[in-house]
Amino acid sequence: MKWFLVRYIYEIVCGEGSYKPQFDEQLRLMLALNSAEALLKAEETANSFHPPFNNCSGELVTWRFICIADLHEIQTPDDGAEIASIMHEPIDVSAFLDQIEKRQAFLKEHIQLTTTELDCFDN
């Protein structure tokens, strides 16, 4: 079995469609024997990721599958392998760094490993 990176494109449809058009681009991992199987599997599962729901205004929100835009075989990654890099050129550097600090504080506050959870890393 091989890993494939699949890029899905969806249109987010809300209510009767009287809104600014929104498109959702998703990168997902797919396990398959080869690229043909990965593409078939990706197409077959494309509509299963997002069940419709009603937003706070009572409008039905759905994701309309448009296409699979890319499919790439990837090697099984090593621990610490880079999967993405985003370059930022903020206009307000202080605000950008403040936001990063808030994210870090959130992670430290909300993702606390217990001693039991840490024990699983020793094996």
N, C-alpha and C. Protein backbone atom coordinates (compact mmCIF):
# COMPACT_ATOMS: atom_id res chain seq x y z
N MET A 1 0.84 -1.18 0.00
CA MET A 1 0.00 0.00 0.00
C MET A 1 0.89 1.25 0.00
N LYS A 2 0.38 2.27 -0.67
CA LYS A 2 1.12 3.52 -0.78
C LYS A 2 0.23 4.67 -0.30
N TRP A 3 0.88 5.74 0.14
CA TRP A 3 0.17 6.94 0.56
C TRP A 3 0.10 7.92 -0.60
N PHE A 4 -1.06 8.57 -0.73
CA PHE A 4 -1.26 9.59 -1.75
C PHE A 4 -1.84 10.83 -1.10
N LEU A 5 -1.39 11.98 -1.56
CA LEU A 5 -1.94 13.26 -1.13
C LEU A 5 -2.98 13.66 -2.18
N VAL A 6 -4.20 13.90 -1.73
CA VAL A 6 -5.29 14.23 -2.62
C VAL A 6 -5.73 15.66 -2.32
N ARG A 7 -5.87 16.48 -3.37
CA ARG A 7 -6.37 17.85 -3.20
C ARG A 7 -7.79 17.90 -3.73
N TYR A 8 -8.73 18.09 -2.82
CA TYR A 8 -10.15 18.20 -3.14
C TYR A 8 -10.54 19.67 -3.25
N ILE A 9 -11.49 19.96 -4.16
CA ILE A 9 -12.05 21.30 -4.26
C ILE A 9 -13.57 21.17 -4.08
N TYR A 10 -14.11 21.97 -3.16
CA TYR A 10 -15.53 22.00 -2.89
C TYR A 10 -16.03 23.44 -2.98
N GLU A 11 -17.30 23.58 -3.32
CA GLU A 11 -17.96 24.87 -3.18
C GLU A 11 -18.84 24.75 -1.94
N ILE A 12 -18.76 25.73 -1.06
CA ILE A 12 -19.61 25.72 0.13
C ILE A 12 -20.89 26.45 -0.25
N VAL A 13 -22.01 25.74 -0.15
CA VAL A 13 -23.30 26.29 -0.54
C VAL A 13 -24.12 26.50 0.73
N CYS A 14 -24.60 27.72 0.87
CA CYS A 14 -25.34 28.09 2.07
C CYS A 14 -26.72 28.62 1.67
N GLY A 15 -27.77 27.98 2.16
CA GLY A 15 -29.13 28.44 1.90
C GLY A 15 -29.45 28.48 0.42
N GLU A 16 -30.03 29.60 -0.01
CA GLU A 16 -30.44 29.77 -1.41
C GLU A 16 -29.31 30.28 -2.29
N GLY A 17 -28.14 30.47 -1.74
CA GLY A 17 -26.99 30.86 -2.54
C GLY A 17 -26.79 32.35 -2.66
N SER A 18 -27.51 33.16 -1.88
CA SER A 18 -27.34 34.62 -1.95
C SER A 18 -26.25 35.05 -0.96
N TYR A 19 -25.04 34.70 -1.28
CA TYR A 19 -23.89 34.97 -0.42
C TYR A 19 -22.66 35.07 -1.32
N LYS A 20 -21.58 35.53 -0.74
CA LYS A 20 -20.32 35.58 -1.48
C LYS A 20 -19.84 34.14 -1.69
N PRO A 21 -19.52 33.75 -2.92
CA PRO A 21 -19.09 32.36 -3.17
C PRO A 21 -17.86 31.99 -2.34
N GLN A 22 -17.90 30.78 -1.79
CA GLN A 22 -16.79 30.26 -1.00
C GLN A 22 -16.39 28.90 -1.56
N PHE A 23 -15.09 28.68 -1.62
CA PHE A 23 -14.56 27.40 -2.07
C PHE A 23 -13.61 26.87 -1.00
N ASP A 24 -13.68 25.59 -0.77
CA ASP A 24 -12.86 24.93 0.25
C ASP A 24 -11.90 23.99 -0.46
N GLU A 25 -10.62 24.23 -0.26
CA GLU A 25 -9.57 23.38 -0.83
C GLU A 25 -9.01 22.54 0.31
N GLN A 26 -9.08 21.21 0.17
CA GLN A 26 -8.66 20.33 1.24
C GLN A 26 -7.56 19.39 0.76
N LEU A 27 -6.58 19.17 1.62
CA LEU A 27 -5.55 18.18 1.36
C LEU A 27 -5.81 17.01 2.30
N ARG A 28 -5.95 15.82 1.72
CA ARG A 28 -6.23 14.63 2.51
C ARG A 28 -5.29 13.51 2.11
N LEU A 29 -5.02 12.61 3.04
CA LEU A 29 -4.19 11.45 2.76
C LEU A 29 -5.08 10.26 2.41
N MET A 30 -4.67 9.51 1.40
CA MET A 30 -5.42 8.35 0.93
C MET A 30 -4.44 7.19 0.82
N LEU A 31 -4.82 6.04 1.32
CA LEU A 31 -4.00 4.84 1.25
C LEU A 31 -4.55 3.94 0.15
N ALA A 32 -3.70 3.55 -0.82
CA ALA A 32 -4.15 2.74 -1.95
C ALA A 32 -2.97 1.97 -2.53
N LEU A 33 -3.28 1.00 -3.39
CA LEU A 33 -2.23 0.21 -4.04
C LEU A 33 -1.47 1.00 -5.09
N ASN A 34 -2.19 1.87 -5.83
CA ASN A 34 -1.57 2.64 -6.91
C ASN A 34 -2.38 3.91 -7.14
N SER A 35 -1.92 4.76 -8.06
CA SER A 35 -2.58 6.04 -8.28
C SER A 35 -4.00 5.89 -8.84
N ALA A 36 -4.23 4.88 -9.68
CA ALA A 36 -5.57 4.66 -10.23
C ALA A 36 -6.55 4.31 -9.11
N GLU A 37 -6.13 3.43 -8.21
CA GLU A 37 -6.99 3.07 -7.09
C GLU A 37 -7.20 4.26 -6.16
N ALA A 38 -6.14 5.04 -5.94
CA ALA A 38 -6.24 6.21 -5.07
C ALA A 38 -7.24 7.22 -5.64
N LEU A 39 -7.19 7.45 -6.94
CA LEU A 39 -8.11 8.39 -7.58
C LEU A 39 -9.54 7.89 -7.46
N LEU A 40 -9.77 6.63 -7.75
CA LEU A 40 -11.10 6.04 -7.65
C LEU A 40 -11.62 6.14 -6.21
N LYS A 41 -10.78 5.79 -5.26
CA LYS A 41 -11.17 5.84 -3.85
C LYS A 41 -11.47 7.27 -3.43
N ALA A 42 -10.64 8.21 -3.89
CA ALA A 42 -10.84 9.62 -3.55
C ALA A 42 -12.17 10.13 -4.10
N GLU A 43 -12.48 9.75 -5.33
CA GLU A 43 -13.75 10.18 -5.94
C GLU A 43 -14.94 9.54 -5.23
N GLU A 44 -14.81 8.28 -4.86
CA GLU A 44 -15.91 7.57 -4.19
C GLU A 44 -16.20 8.13 -2.80
N THR A 45 -15.19 8.65 -2.14
CA THR A 45 -15.37 9.15 -0.77
C THR A 45 -15.56 10.67 -0.70
N ALA A 46 -15.48 11.35 -1.82
CA ALA A 46 -15.51 12.82 -1.84
C ALA A 46 -16.73 13.42 -1.18
N ASN A 47 -17.87 12.76 -1.27
CA ASN A 47 -19.10 13.32 -0.71
C ASN A 47 -19.39 12.84 0.71
N SER A 48 -18.48 12.09 1.29
CA SER A 48 -18.73 11.54 2.62
C SER A 48 -18.10 12.33 3.76
N PHE A 49 -17.32 13.35 3.46
CA PHE A 49 -16.58 14.06 4.50
C PHE A 49 -17.40 15.11 5.24
N HIS A 50 -18.42 15.69 4.59
CA HIS A 50 -19.11 16.84 5.15
C HIS A 50 -20.62 16.64 5.17
N PRO A 51 -21.15 16.17 6.26
CA PRO A 51 -22.61 16.08 6.31
C PRO A 51 -23.22 17.48 6.34
N PRO A 52 -24.35 17.68 5.66
CA PRO A 52 -25.00 18.99 5.69
C PRO A 52 -25.44 19.34 7.12
N PHE A 53 -25.52 20.63 7.41
CA PHE A 53 -25.99 21.09 8.71
C PHE A 53 -26.69 22.43 8.53
N ASN A 54 -27.46 22.82 9.53
CA ASN A 54 -28.10 24.14 9.53
C ASN A 54 -27.24 25.10 10.32
N ASN A 55 -26.94 26.26 9.72
CA ASN A 55 -26.14 27.26 10.42
C ASN A 55 -27.00 28.01 11.44
N CYS A 56 -26.42 28.99 12.11
CA CYS A 56 -27.13 29.72 13.16
C CYS A 56 -28.33 30.51 12.64
N SER A 57 -28.39 30.73 11.31
CA SER A 57 -29.54 31.41 10.69
C SER A 57 -30.57 30.42 10.18
N GLY A 58 -30.34 29.13 10.42
CA GLY A 58 -31.26 28.11 9.98
C GLY A 58 -31.11 27.71 8.52
N GLU A 59 -30.07 28.22 7.87
CA GLU A 59 -29.84 27.90 6.45
C GLU A 59 -29.05 26.59 6.34
N LEU A 60 -29.41 25.79 5.37
CA LEU A 60 -28.70 24.54 5.13
C LEU A 60 -27.35 24.83 4.50
N VAL A 61 -26.29 24.26 5.07
CA VAL A 61 -24.92 24.43 4.56
C VAL A 61 -24.47 23.07 4.02
N THR A 62 -24.03 23.07 2.77
CA THR A 62 -23.52 21.85 2.14
C THR A 62 -22.21 22.14 1.44
N TRP A 63 -21.43 21.09 1.21
CA TRP A 63 -20.21 21.17 0.42
C TRP A 63 -20.49 20.46 -0.90
N ARG A 64 -20.42 21.20 -2.01
CA ARG A 64 -20.63 20.61 -3.32
C ARG A 64 -19.27 20.23 -3.90
N PHE A 65 -19.06 18.95 -4.09
CA PHE A 65 -17.79 18.46 -4.63
C PHE A 65 -17.63 18.95 -6.05
N ILE A 66 -16.50 19.58 -6.34
CA ILE A 66 -16.21 20.07 -7.68
C ILE A 66 -15.28 19.11 -8.39
N CYS A 67 -14.12 18.84 -7.77
CA CYS A 67 -13.18 17.94 -8.44
C CYS A 67 -12.04 17.57 -7.50
N ILE A 68 -11.28 16.60 -7.97
CA ILE A 68 -9.99 16.30 -7.37
C ILE A 68 -8.97 17.01 -8.25
N ALA A 69 -8.30 17.98 -7.67
CA ALA A 69 -7.41 18.84 -8.46
C ALA A 69 -6.00 18.28 -8.58
N ASP A 70 -5.58 17.48 -7.61
CA ASP A 70 -4.23 16.91 -7.64
C ASP A 70 -4.21 15.59 -6.90
N LEU A 71 -3.28 14.75 -7.31
CA LEU A 71 -3.05 13.47 -6.65
C LEU A 71 -1.56 13.19 -6.76
N HIS A 72 -0.91 13.03 -5.61
CA HIS A 72 0.53 12.81 -5.59
C HIS A 72 0.87 11.66 -4.67
N GLU A 73 1.68 10.74 -5.15
CA GLU A 73 2.18 9.68 -4.28
C GLU A 73 3.22 10.30 -3.36
N ILE A 74 3.15 9.94 -2.09
CA ILE A 74 4.14 10.44 -1.14
C ILE A 74 4.81 9.27 -0.45
N GLN A 75 6.03 9.47 -0.06
CA GLN A 75 6.76 8.44 0.67
C GLN A 75 6.31 8.47 2.13
N THR A 76 6.38 7.33 2.78
CA THR A 76 6.04 7.29 4.20
C THR A 76 6.99 8.24 4.92
N PRO A 77 6.44 9.21 5.65
CA PRO A 77 7.30 10.22 6.26
C PRO A 77 8.06 9.69 7.47
N ASP A 78 9.21 10.29 7.71
CA ASP A 78 9.98 10.03 8.92
C ASP A 78 9.47 10.94 10.02
N ASP A 79 9.78 10.61 11.25
CA ASP A 79 9.40 11.44 12.38
C ASP A 79 9.97 12.84 12.18
N GLY A 80 9.12 13.83 12.27
CA GLY A 80 9.54 15.22 12.12
C GLY A 80 9.60 15.71 10.69
N ALA A 81 9.13 14.92 9.74
CA ALA A 81 9.17 15.32 8.33
C ALA A 81 8.29 16.55 8.10
N GLU A 82 8.79 17.50 7.33
CA GLU A 82 8.03 18.71 7.01
C GLU A 82 6.94 18.37 6.00
N ILE A 83 5.71 18.80 6.28
CA ILE A 83 4.63 18.57 5.33
C ILE A 83 4.12 19.87 4.72
N ALA A 84 4.43 21.00 5.34
CA ALA A 84 4.01 22.28 4.78
C ALA A 84 4.87 23.39 5.36
N SER A 85 4.97 24.45 4.62
CA SER A 85 5.68 25.64 5.08
C SER A 85 4.93 26.85 4.52
N ILE A 86 4.63 27.80 5.39
CA ILE A 86 3.89 28.98 4.96
C ILE A 86 4.72 30.21 5.29
N MET A 87 4.96 31.04 4.30
CA MET A 87 5.72 32.27 4.48
C MET A 87 4.75 33.39 4.84
N HIS A 88 5.06 34.15 5.89
CA HIS A 88 4.21 35.27 6.30
C HIS A 88 4.99 36.56 6.15
N GLU A 89 4.33 37.58 5.65
CA GLU A 89 4.89 38.93 5.59
C GLU A 89 3.86 39.87 6.19
N PRO A 90 3.72 39.84 7.53
CA PRO A 90 2.65 40.62 8.16
C PRO A 90 2.90 42.12 8.06
N ILE A 91 1.82 42.84 7.91
CA ILE A 91 1.90 44.30 7.92
C ILE A 91 2.17 44.78 9.33
N ASP A 92 1.50 44.14 10.30
CA ASP A 92 1.67 44.48 11.71
C ASP A 92 2.37 43.31 12.41
N VAL A 93 3.69 43.41 12.52
CA VAL A 93 4.49 42.33 13.10
C VAL A 93 4.11 42.08 14.56
N SER A 94 3.88 43.13 15.33
CA SER A 94 3.51 42.97 16.74
C SER A 94 2.20 42.19 16.88
N ALA A 95 1.21 42.51 16.07
CA ALA A 95 -0.08 41.81 16.12
C ALA A 95 0.09 40.35 15.71
N PHE A 96 0.93 40.10 14.70
CA PHE A 96 1.19 38.74 14.25
C PHE A 96 1.83 37.92 15.37
N LEU A 97 2.87 38.47 16.00
CA LEU A 97 3.55 37.76 17.08
C LEU A 97 2.64 37.58 18.29
N ASP A 98 1.78 38.55 18.55
CA ASP A 98 0.82 38.44 19.64
C ASP A 98 -0.14 37.28 19.38
N GLN A 99 -0.60 37.15 18.15
CA GLN A 99 -1.50 36.05 17.79
C GLN A 99 -0.80 34.70 17.96
N ILE A 100 0.46 34.62 17.57
CA ILE A 100 1.23 33.39 17.73
C ILE A 100 1.37 33.05 19.21
N GLU A 101 1.63 34.05 20.03
CA GLU A 101 1.75 33.85 21.48
C GLU A 101 0.44 33.32 22.07
N LYS A 102 -0.69 33.85 21.59
CA LYS A 102 -2.00 33.39 22.07
C LYS A 102 -2.24 31.94 21.68
N ARG A 103 -1.84 31.55 20.47
CA ARG A 103 -1.98 30.16 20.04
C ARG A 103 -1.14 29.24 20.92
N GLN A 104 0.09 29.66 21.21
CA GLN A 104 0.98 28.86 22.04
C GLN A 104 0.38 28.69 23.44
N ALA A 105 -0.15 29.77 24.00
CA ALA A 105 -0.76 29.71 25.33
C ALA A 105 -1.97 28.78 25.32
N PHE A 106 -2.77 28.85 24.27
CA PHE A 106 -3.93 27.97 24.15
C PHE A 106 -3.50 26.51 24.16
N LEU A 107 -2.49 26.18 23.35
CA LEU A 107 -2.02 24.80 23.30
C LEU A 107 -1.52 24.32 24.66
N LYS A 108 -0.73 25.16 25.32
CA LYS A 108 -0.19 24.77 26.63
C LYS A 108 -1.31 24.59 27.65
N GLU A 109 -2.35 25.41 27.55
CA GLU A 109 -3.45 25.34 28.51
C GLU A 109 -4.39 24.17 28.23
N HIS A 110 -4.66 23.89 26.98
CA HIS A 110 -5.68 22.90 26.62
C HIS A 110 -5.16 21.52 26.24
N ILE A 111 -3.89 21.41 25.97
CA ILE A 111 -3.33 20.10 25.61
C ILE A 111 -2.27 19.75 26.64
N GLN A 112 -2.75 19.24 27.75
CA GLN A 112 -1.85 18.86 28.83
C GLN A 112 -1.84 17.35 28.91
N LEU A 113 -0.68 16.77 28.72
CA LEU A 113 -0.55 15.32 28.80
C LEU A 113 -0.45 14.89 30.25
N THR A 114 -1.22 13.87 30.58
CA THR A 114 -1.14 13.32 31.93
C THR A 114 0.04 12.36 31.99
N THR A 115 0.40 11.96 33.17
CA THR A 115 1.50 11.00 33.35
C THR A 115 1.19 9.71 32.59
N THR A 116 -0.06 9.26 32.61
CA THR A 116 -0.47 8.03 31.91
C THR A 116 -0.25 8.19 30.40
N GLU A 117 -0.64 9.34 29.87
CA GLU A 117 -0.47 9.56 28.44
C GLU A 117 1.01 9.62 28.06
N LEU A 118 1.84 10.17 28.92
CA LEU A 118 3.27 10.24 28.65
C LEU A 118 3.91 8.88 28.68
N ASP A 119 3.39 7.96 29.50
CA ASP A 119 3.94 6.61 29.59
C ASP A 119 3.88 5.88 28.26
N CYS A 120 2.89 6.16 27.42
CA CYS A 120 2.77 5.45 26.15
C CYS A 120 3.91 5.78 25.20
N PHE A 121 4.61 6.90 25.43
CA PHE A 121 5.72 7.27 24.56
C PHE A 121 7.00 6.52 24.91
N ASP A 122 7.02 5.87 26.06
CA ASP A 122 8.22 5.14 26.49
C ASP A 122 8.36 3.80 25.79
N ASN A 123 7.30 3.29 25.17
CA ASN A 123 7.34 1.96 24.56
C ASN A 123 7.96 1.97 23.21
